[in-house]
N, C-alpha and C. Protein backbone atom coordinates (compact mmCIF):
# COMPACT_ATOMS: atom_id res chain seq x y z
N UNK A 1 2.39 0.99 -16.44
CA UNK A 1 1.41 -0.34 -15.85
C UNK A 1 -0.20 -0.32 -16.16
N UNK A 2 -0.19 0.86 -15.50
CA UNK A 2 -1.82 0.83 -15.19
C UNK A 2 -2.18 0.88 -16.64
N UNK A 3 -1.81 1.94 -17.78
CA UNK A 3 -2.22 1.86 -19.31
C UNK A 3 -2.29 0.27 -19.34
N UNK A 4 -1.34 -0.64 -19.21
CA UNK A 4 -1.11 -2.09 -19.67
C UNK A 4 -2.78 -2.80 -19.02
N UNK A 5 -3.23 -2.43 -17.33
CA UNK A 5 -4.14 -3.14 -16.89
C UNK A 5 -6.20 -2.22 -17.42
N UNK A 6 -6.01 -1.17 -17.92
CA UNK A 6 -6.91 -0.15 -17.93
C UNK A 6 -6.99 -0.65 -19.49
N UNK A 7 -6.68 -1.26 -20.54
CA UNK A 7 -6.98 -1.49 -21.72
C UNK A 7 -7.17 -0.04 -22.58
N UNK A 8 -7.23 0.47 -23.90
CA UNK A 8 -7.63 1.33 -24.87
C UNK A 8 -8.26 2.76 -23.92
N UNK A 9 -9.35 2.07 -23.83
CA UNK A 9 -10.12 3.42 -23.43
C UNK A 9 -9.74 3.94 -22.14
N UNK A 10 -8.78 3.89 -21.78
CA UNK A 10 -8.90 4.38 -20.25
C UNK A 10 -7.90 5.82 -21.21
N UNK A 11 -6.93 5.27 -21.80
CA UNK A 11 -6.04 5.91 -22.73
C UNK A 11 -6.44 7.06 -23.40
N UNK A 12 -7.76 7.01 -23.98
CA UNK A 12 -8.87 7.95 -24.63
C UNK A 12 -9.25 9.19 -23.51
N UNK A 13 -9.71 8.34 -22.15
CA UNK A 13 -10.04 9.05 -21.04
C UNK A 13 -9.51 10.01 -20.56
N UNK A 14 -8.06 9.90 -20.94
CA UNK A 14 -6.85 10.22 -19.37
C UNK A 14 -5.58 11.04 -21.16
N UNK A 15 -5.79 12.23 -21.76
CA UNK A 15 -5.23 12.36 -22.44
C UNK A 15 -3.88 13.08 -21.83
N UNK A 16 -4.28 13.26 -20.50
CA UNK A 16 -3.13 14.61 -19.92
C UNK A 16 -2.17 13.95 -18.99
N UNK A 17 -2.62 12.72 -18.49
CA UNK A 17 -2.17 11.19 -18.17
C UNK A 17 -0.82 10.78 -19.38
N UNK A 18 -1.27 10.34 -20.80
CA UNK A 18 -1.25 9.76 -21.72
C UNK A 18 0.18 11.10 -21.78
N UNK A 19 -0.39 12.54 -22.14
CA UNK A 19 1.33 13.17 -22.13
C UNK A 19 2.17 12.92 -21.10
N UNK A 20 1.58 12.81 -20.23
CA UNK A 20 2.40 12.94 -18.76
C UNK A 20 3.96 11.81 -18.44
N UNK A 21 2.78 10.24 -19.17
CA UNK A 21 3.61 9.58 -19.55
C UNK A 21 4.32 9.30 -20.66
N UNK A 22 4.56 10.04 -22.55
CA UNK A 22 5.00 9.74 -23.14
C UNK A 22 6.58 11.22 -23.22
N UNK A 23 6.12 12.54 -22.91
CA UNK A 23 7.04 13.11 -22.11
C UNK A 23 8.01 12.72 -20.67
N UNK A 24 8.83 12.20 -21.20
CA UNK A 24 9.35 12.73 -20.22
C UNK A 24 10.13 13.64 -19.19
N UNK A 25 10.37 14.60 -20.27
CA UNK A 25 10.62 16.44 -19.20
C UNK A 25 9.33 16.25 -18.90
N UNK A 26 8.01 15.88 -18.72
CA UNK A 26 7.01 16.99 -18.33
C UNK A 26 6.74 16.18 -16.37
N UNK A 27 6.77 17.52 -16.07
CA UNK A 27 6.42 17.86 -15.00
C UNK A 27 4.69 18.17 -14.85
N UNK A 28 3.54 17.76 -15.37
CA UNK A 28 2.52 18.24 -14.82
C UNK A 28 1.87 17.03 -14.57
N UNK A 29 1.90 16.75 -13.18
CA UNK A 29 0.38 14.63 -13.25
C UNK A 29 -0.64 15.38 -13.86
N UNK A 30 -1.78 14.91 -14.15
CA UNK A 30 -3.03 15.17 -14.03
C UNK A 30 -3.52 15.60 -12.50
N UNK A 31 -3.76 16.38 -11.83
CA UNK A 31 -4.64 16.52 -10.62
C UNK A 31 -5.68 15.45 -9.85
N UNK A 32 -6.16 14.62 -10.70
CA UNK A 32 -7.28 14.56 -10.53
C UNK A 32 -7.04 12.29 -10.48
N UNK A 33 -5.68 12.09 -10.41
CA UNK A 33 -4.87 10.58 -9.82
C UNK A 33 -4.26 10.79 -9.34
N UNK A 34 -3.99 9.85 -8.81
CA UNK A 34 -3.06 10.62 -7.34
C UNK A 34 -2.39 8.22 -7.37
N UNK A 35 -1.17 8.72 -7.30
CA UNK A 35 -0.90 7.02 -7.91
C UNK A 35 -0.55 6.77 -5.78
N UNK A 36 -0.27 5.54 -5.10
CA UNK A 36 0.04 5.62 -4.00
C UNK A 36 1.12 4.06 -4.64
N UNK A 37 1.59 3.39 -3.02
CA UNK A 37 3.03 2.70 -3.17
C UNK A 37 2.16 1.69 -1.43
N UNK A 38 3.01 0.41 -1.34
CA UNK A 38 2.97 -0.45 0.15
C UNK A 38 3.33 -1.33 -1.07
N UNK A 39 3.97 -1.96 0.08
CA UNK A 39 4.96 -3.61 0.94
C UNK A 39 3.83 -4.26 0.40
N UNK A 40 4.08 -5.65 0.16
CA UNK A 40 3.36 -7.07 0.55
C UNK A 40 4.25 -8.63 0.47
N UNK A 41 3.64 -8.52 1.45
CA UNK A 41 4.55 -10.22 2.07
C UNK A 41 4.28 -11.43 1.69
N UNK A 42 2.92 -11.00 0.37
CA UNK A 42 2.70 -11.92 0.35
C UNK A 42 3.44 -12.83 -0.70
N UNK A 43 2.35 -13.75 -0.97
CA UNK A 43 3.74 -14.89 -2.83
C UNK A 43 1.65 -14.42 -3.79
N UNK A 44 1.32 -13.53 -3.41
CA UNK A 44 0.86 -13.85 -4.65
C UNK A 44 0.57 -12.53 -5.35
N UNK A 45 0.23 -12.59 -6.68
CA UNK A 45 0.29 -10.84 -7.76
C UNK A 45 -1.60 -10.90 -8.43
N UNK A 46 -2.10 -9.17 -8.48
CA UNK A 46 -3.00 -9.14 -8.41
C UNK A 46 -2.63 -8.04 -9.72
N UNK A 47 -4.19 -8.53 -10.02
CA UNK A 47 -4.09 -6.23 -10.72
C UNK A 47 -5.98 -6.28 -11.48
N UNK A 48 -6.05 -4.74 -11.43
CA UNK A 48 -7.14 -4.32 -11.92
C UNK A 48 -7.56 -3.63 -11.93
N UNK A 49 -8.72 -2.96 -13.92
CA UNK A 49 -8.44 -1.76 -13.83
C UNK A 49 -8.94 -1.33 -13.26
N UNK A 50 -9.38 0.13 -13.29
CA UNK A 50 -10.78 0.80 -12.93
C UNK A 50 -11.39 0.11 -12.05
N UNK A 51 -12.22 0.37 -10.73
CA UNK A 51 -12.60 -0.53 -10.43
C UNK A 51 -13.66 -0.03 -9.19
N UNK A 52 -14.93 0.47 -8.33
CA UNK A 52 -15.31 0.94 -7.79
C UNK A 52 -15.48 -0.48 -6.15
N UNK A 53 -15.64 0.45 -5.98
CA UNK A 53 -15.46 -0.09 -3.77
C UNK A 53 -16.17 0.36 -2.80
N UNK A 54 -17.17 -0.06 -2.26
CA UNK A 54 -17.83 0.68 -1.68
C UNK A 54 -18.25 -0.18 0.26
N UNK A 55 -17.79 0.79 0.87
CA UNK A 55 -17.78 0.09 2.15
C UNK A 55 -18.54 0.69 3.46
N UNK A 56 -19.86 0.14 3.76
CA UNK A 56 -19.68 0.82 4.73
C UNK A 56 -20.94 1.04 4.04
N UNK A 57 -21.65 0.06 3.36
CA UNK A 57 -23.10 0.24 1.94
C UNK A 57 -24.36 0.47 3.60
N UNK A 58 -25.20 1.51 3.37
CA UNK A 58 -26.44 1.75 3.67
C UNK A 58 -26.69 2.67 5.23
N UNK A 59 -25.11 2.45 6.44
CA UNK A 59 -24.39 3.07 6.98
C UNK A 59 -24.70 4.56 6.99
N UNK A 60 -24.45 4.87 8.43
CA UNK A 60 -23.98 6.73 7.85
C UNK A 60 -22.62 6.99 7.44
N UNK A 61 -21.88 6.20 7.51
CA UNK A 61 -19.69 6.02 7.12
C UNK A 61 -19.87 5.67 6.19
N UNK A 62 -20.63 5.37 5.04
CA UNK A 62 -20.64 4.27 3.42
C UNK A 62 -19.60 5.53 2.97
N UNK A 63 -18.18 4.60 2.18
CA UNK A 63 -17.68 5.63 1.78
C UNK A 63 -17.51 5.25 0.11
N UNK A 64 -17.50 5.68 -0.84
CA UNK A 64 -17.03 4.66 -1.74
C UNK A 64 -15.17 5.22 -2.61
N UNK A 65 -14.48 4.10 -3.41
CA UNK A 65 -13.36 4.24 -4.36
C UNK A 65 -13.57 3.56 -5.28
N UNK A 66 -12.35 4.38 -6.17
CA UNK A 66 -12.07 4.41 -7.87
C UNK A 66 -11.24 4.79 -7.41
N UNK A 67 -10.44 3.05 -8.17
CA UNK A 67 -9.48 2.96 -8.20
C UNK A 67 -8.61 1.96 -9.02
N UNK A 68 -7.48 1.56 -9.38
CA UNK A 68 -7.46 0.73 -9.93
C UNK A 68 -5.94 0.58 -9.55
N UNK A 69 -5.82 -1.61 -9.25
CA UNK A 69 -4.20 -1.81 -8.28
C UNK A 69 -3.09 -2.44 -9.31
N UNK A 70 -2.14 -2.11 -8.85
CA UNK A 70 -1.47 -3.90 -9.35
C UNK A 70 -0.50 -4.10 -8.36
N UNK A 71 -0.38 -4.84 -8.09
CA UNK A 71 0.28 -6.17 -6.74
C UNK A 71 1.09 -6.50 -7.67
N UNK A 72 2.46 -6.59 -7.31
CA UNK A 72 3.37 -7.92 -7.90
C UNK A 72 4.51 -8.05 -6.67
N UNK A 73 4.20 -9.17 -6.32
CA UNK A 73 5.83 -8.80 -5.07
C UNK A 73 6.79 -8.12 -5.34
N UNK A 74 7.58 -7.65 -3.88
CA UNK A 74 6.86 -6.51 -3.00
C UNK A 74 6.51 -5.57 -3.11
N UNK A 75 5.83 -5.18 -3.96
CA UNK A 75 5.13 -3.65 -4.12
C UNK A 75 3.91 -4.34 -4.67
N UNK A 76 2.55 -3.48 -3.91
CA UNK A 76 1.61 -2.61 -4.85
C UNK A 76 2.09 -1.16 -4.83
N UNK A 77 0.73 -1.14 -6.31
CA UNK A 77 0.57 0.51 -6.75
C UNK A 77 -0.35 0.57 -6.22
N UNK A 78 -1.44 1.54 -6.24
CA UNK A 78 -2.71 2.10 -6.39
C UNK A 78 -2.32 3.32 -7.20
N UNK A 79 -4.15 3.72 -8.70
CA UNK A 79 -3.72 5.12 -8.93
C UNK A 79 -5.59 5.39 -8.81
N UNK A 80 -5.60 6.41 -7.67
CA UNK A 80 -7.07 6.10 -8.00
C UNK A 80 -7.37 7.78 -8.40
N UNK A 81 -8.57 7.85 -9.32
CA UNK A 81 -9.28 8.71 -10.04
C UNK A 81 -10.00 9.39 -9.65
N UNK A 82 -10.04 10.98 -9.79
CA UNK A 82 -10.90 11.65 -9.20
C UNK A 82 -10.82 12.42 -7.40
N UNK A 83 -12.10 12.81 -7.28
CA UNK A 83 -11.12 12.96 -5.98
C UNK A 83 -11.16 11.62 -4.92
N UNK A 84 -11.52 10.16 -5.00
CA UNK A 84 -11.58 8.97 -4.29
C UNK A 84 -10.25 9.23 -3.53
N UNK A 85 -10.89 8.82 -2.61
CA UNK A 85 -8.94 7.84 -1.50
C UNK A 85 -8.67 6.79 -1.92
N UNK A 86 -7.50 6.34 -1.53
CA UNK A 86 -7.03 4.93 -1.72
C UNK A 86 -8.67 4.33 -1.33
N UNK A 87 -8.68 3.11 -1.17
CA UNK A 87 -8.91 2.22 -0.46
C UNK A 87 -7.77 1.93 1.15
N UNK A 88 -7.30 2.50 1.01
CA UNK A 88 -6.65 2.46 2.34
C UNK A 88 -5.96 3.10 3.01
N UNK A 89 -6.57 4.16 3.98
CA UNK A 89 -6.04 5.42 4.09
C UNK A 89 -4.26 5.72 4.80
N UNK A 90 -3.29 4.38 5.61
CA UNK A 90 -1.70 4.33 5.01
C UNK A 90 -1.02 4.55 4.52
N UNK A 91 -1.39 4.29 3.03
CA UNK A 91 -0.59 3.72 2.31
C UNK A 91 -0.30 4.97 1.30
N UNK A 92 1.18 5.06 1.19
CA UNK A 92 1.96 5.89 0.79
C UNK A 92 1.75 6.76 -0.60
N UNK A 93 1.22 8.05 -0.83
CA UNK A 93 0.78 8.83 -1.98
C UNK A 93 2.08 9.05 -2.04
N UNK A 94 2.64 8.12 -3.89
CA UNK A 94 4.49 9.02 -4.50
C UNK A 94 3.91 9.87 -5.82
N UNK A 95 2.70 10.29 -5.93
CA UNK A 95 2.58 10.97 -6.56
C UNK A 95 3.32 12.47 -7.00
N UNK A 96 3.55 12.78 -5.84
CA UNK A 96 4.44 14.24 -5.51
C UNK A 96 6.07 13.39 -6.60
N UNK A 97 5.84 12.45 -7.09
CA UNK A 97 7.61 11.79 -7.17
C UNK A 97 7.08 13.13 -8.98
N UNK A 98 6.46 13.47 -9.38
CA UNK A 98 6.43 14.36 -10.20
C UNK A 98 7.07 15.64 -10.84
N UNK A 99 7.48 15.67 -9.93
CA UNK A 99 7.95 17.01 -9.67
C UNK A 99 8.97 16.51 -9.95
N UNK A 100 10.22 15.29 -9.86
CA UNK A 100 11.33 15.85 -10.04
C UNK A 100 11.18 15.58 -11.42
N UNK A 101 12.62 15.95 -12.22
CA UNK A 101 13.41 15.85 -12.99
C UNK A 101 13.42 15.26 -13.62
N UNK A 102 13.82 14.13 -15.05
CA UNK A 102 13.49 12.75 -15.71
C UNK A 102 15.22 12.86 -14.89
N UNK A 103 16.43 13.26 -15.03
CA UNK A 103 17.68 13.55 -15.14
C UNK A 103 18.11 13.49 -13.88
N UNK A 104 16.90 14.55 -12.67
CA UNK A 104 17.38 13.98 -10.90
C UNK A 104 17.16 12.53 -10.96
N UNK A 105 18.75 12.63 -9.13
CA UNK A 105 19.27 12.31 -8.31
C UNK A 105 19.01 12.65 -7.04
N UNK A 106 18.70 12.05 -6.21
CA UNK A 106 18.47 11.99 -4.90
C UNK A 106 19.46 11.09 -4.27
N UNK A 107 19.61 11.00 -3.39
CA UNK A 107 19.64 10.68 -1.45
C UNK A 107 18.79 11.15 -1.04
N UNK A 108 19.16 10.09 0.42
CA UNK A 108 17.87 10.12 0.81
C UNK A 108 16.75 10.81 1.57
N UNK A 109 15.97 9.75 0.08
CA UNK A 109 14.15 10.53 0.10
C UNK A 109 14.32 9.11 0.80
N UNK A 110 13.15 8.75 1.86
CA UNK A 110 12.61 8.40 3.04
C UNK A 110 10.88 8.21 2.15
N UNK A 111 10.04 7.17 2.47
CA UNK A 111 8.77 6.89 3.00
C UNK A 111 8.66 6.27 3.52
N UNK A 112 7.41 5.79 4.40
CA UNK A 112 7.13 4.93 5.43
C UNK A 112 6.39 4.38 4.08
N UNK A 113 6.18 2.65 3.40
CA UNK A 113 5.23 2.09 3.13
C UNK A 113 4.70 0.77 3.65
N UNK A 114 2.70 1.22 3.88
CA UNK A 114 2.67 0.10 4.94
C UNK A 114 2.98 -1.57 4.32
N UNK A 115 3.08 -1.75 5.25
CA UNK A 115 2.75 -3.54 4.41
C UNK A 115 1.42 -4.21 4.78
N UNK A 116 0.59 -4.65 3.65
CA UNK A 116 0.11 -4.94 3.21
C UNK A 116 -0.27 -6.62 2.44
N UNK A 117 -1.17 -6.88 2.88
CA UNK A 117 -1.63 -8.54 2.36
C UNK A 117 -2.16 -8.81 1.49
N UNK A 118 -2.34 -10.27 0.86
CA UNK A 118 -2.74 -9.79 -0.30
C UNK A 118 -3.27 -11.28 -0.41
N UNK A 119 -4.30 -11.69 -0.15
CA UNK A 119 -5.29 -13.04 -0.33
C UNK A 119 -6.42 -13.48 -1.51
N UNK A 120 -7.02 -12.51 -1.95
CA UNK A 120 -8.16 -12.90 -2.85
C UNK A 120 -7.48 -12.04 -3.47
N UNK A 121 -8.01 -12.17 -4.73
CA UNK A 121 -8.04 -11.73 -6.05
C UNK A 121 -9.17 -10.65 -5.84
N UNK A 122 -10.29 -9.89 -5.01
CA UNK A 122 -10.45 -8.80 -4.95
C UNK A 122 -9.82 -7.37 -4.54
N UNK A 123 -9.76 -6.62 -5.53
CA UNK A 123 -9.51 -5.46 -5.59
C UNK A 123 -9.24 -4.93 -4.54
N UNK A 124 -8.29 -4.27 -3.28
CA UNK A 124 -8.78 -3.44 -1.98
C UNK A 124 -8.99 -4.28 -1.30
N UNK A 125 -8.72 -6.02 -1.00
CA UNK A 125 -9.33 -6.29 -0.52
C UNK A 125 -7.69 -6.33 0.68
N UNK A 126 -7.56 -6.02 1.64
CA UNK A 126 -6.48 -6.85 2.22
C UNK A 126 -6.23 -7.03 3.39
N UNK A 127 -7.27 -7.78 3.28
CA UNK A 127 -7.00 -9.47 4.74
C UNK A 127 -6.98 -10.27 3.96
N UNK A 128 -5.69 -10.56 5.24
CA UNK A 128 -5.06 -12.39 5.49
C UNK A 128 -6.24 -13.15 5.24
N UNK A 129 -5.55 -14.52 5.15
CA UNK A 129 -5.67 -15.44 5.75
C UNK A 129 -6.40 -16.35 5.86
N UNK A 130 -6.24 -15.30 7.13
CA UNK A 130 -6.69 -16.33 8.96
C UNK A 130 -8.33 -15.24 8.51
N UNK A 131 -8.26 -14.38 8.33
CA UNK A 131 -9.31 -12.49 8.63
C UNK A 131 -9.80 -13.44 7.68
N UNK A 132 -9.60 -14.05 6.38
CA UNK A 132 -10.78 -14.31 4.97
C UNK A 132 -11.34 -15.21 5.87
N UNK A 133 -10.45 -15.94 5.90
CA UNK A 133 -11.74 -18.04 6.12
C UNK A 133 -12.56 -17.54 7.45
N UNK A 134 -11.95 -16.67 8.38
CA UNK A 134 -13.20 -16.19 9.75
C UNK A 134 -13.62 -15.42 8.80
N UNK A 135 -13.83 -14.45 7.97
CA UNK A 135 -15.42 -13.75 7.05
C UNK A 135 -16.04 -14.64 6.59
N UNK A 136 -16.14 -15.74 5.95
CA UNK A 136 -16.45 -17.00 5.51
C UNK A 136 -17.09 -17.32 6.17
N UNK A 137 -16.72 -18.03 7.36
CA UNK A 137 -17.52 -18.99 8.59
C UNK A 137 -18.64 -17.32 8.27
N UNK A 138 -18.28 -16.80 8.92
CA UNK A 138 -19.37 -16.08 9.77
C UNK A 138 -20.66 -15.44 8.84
N UNK A 139 -20.37 -14.76 7.15
CA UNK A 139 -21.33 -15.10 6.58
C UNK A 139 -21.98 -16.51 6.12
N UNK A 140 -21.37 -17.62 5.58
CA UNK A 140 -21.95 -19.18 6.41
C UNK A 140 -23.25 -19.01 7.09
N UNK A 141 -22.18 -18.95 8.00
CA UNK A 141 -23.35 -18.61 9.67
C UNK A 141 -24.69 -18.14 9.20
N UNK A 142 -24.16 -16.60 8.78
CA UNK A 142 -25.52 -16.08 8.88
C UNK A 142 -26.82 -16.23 7.43
N UNK A 143 -26.22 -16.99 6.64
CA UNK A 143 -26.20 -17.76 5.59
C UNK A 143 -27.28 -18.88 5.80
N UNK A 144 -27.38 -19.48 6.67
CA UNK A 144 -28.05 -20.95 7.19
C UNK A 144 -28.85 -20.29 7.85
N UNK A 145 -28.34 -19.38 8.69
CA UNK A 145 -29.50 -18.15 9.60
C UNK A 145 -30.91 -17.76 8.97
N UNK A 146 -30.42 -16.80 8.07
CA UNK A 146 -31.53 -16.27 7.49
C UNK A 146 -32.45 -17.43 6.71
N UNK A 147 -31.28 -18.52 5.83
CA UNK A 147 -32.94 -19.12 5.46
C UNK A 147 -33.21 -20.27 6.03
N UNK A 148 -32.91 -20.29 7.26
CA UNK A 148 -33.88 -21.56 8.11
C UNK A 148 -34.89 -20.71 8.85
N UNK A 149 -35.22 -19.07 9.16
CA UNK A 149 -36.43 -18.01 8.87
C UNK A 149 -36.80 -17.79 7.63
N UNK A 150 -36.16 -18.58 6.82
CA UNK A 150 -37.34 -17.75 5.53
C UNK A 150 -38.31 -19.27 5.10
N UNK A 151 -37.91 -20.32 5.06
CA UNK A 151 -38.01 -21.90 4.70
C UNK A 151 -38.87 -21.83 5.20
N UNK A 152 -40.28 -22.23 4.51
CA UNK A 152 -41.55 -23.00 5.36
C UNK A 152 -42.08 -24.26 5.90
N UNK A 153 -42.55 -24.42 6.82
CA UNK A 153 -42.40 -25.63 8.36
C UNK A 153 -43.12 -26.48 7.91
């Protein structure tokens, strides 16, 4: 799925991942890539090719994220590249599934997948509709106050 979302250039840049995907016997998942999963209760789907996200810009705790996302209810998947963390720390890392053989059948595997809202089309945005609407109102108020201070009288 991530190859479809990211296009042919991604495939050329990730030959180790191509080899892993094309060889069902391979258990050599590239160390610089991690896959995370979550549930969503949203009725919206979204996909994004490799994107960058910067949170806390200008602050002491700024953080950058490099990832690709595929969300189609009820599941969402995020692929991180390099040493980037996922955009949400609570996501369940499923990269370790690569350690199973193609023919392995196991029972009793338990995972705690977080439940994330999807409202906007922006990758890495897990705000509810209410949070998004409130943020828009705050932003509009800030913009109006800023423009009032800038306009000549």
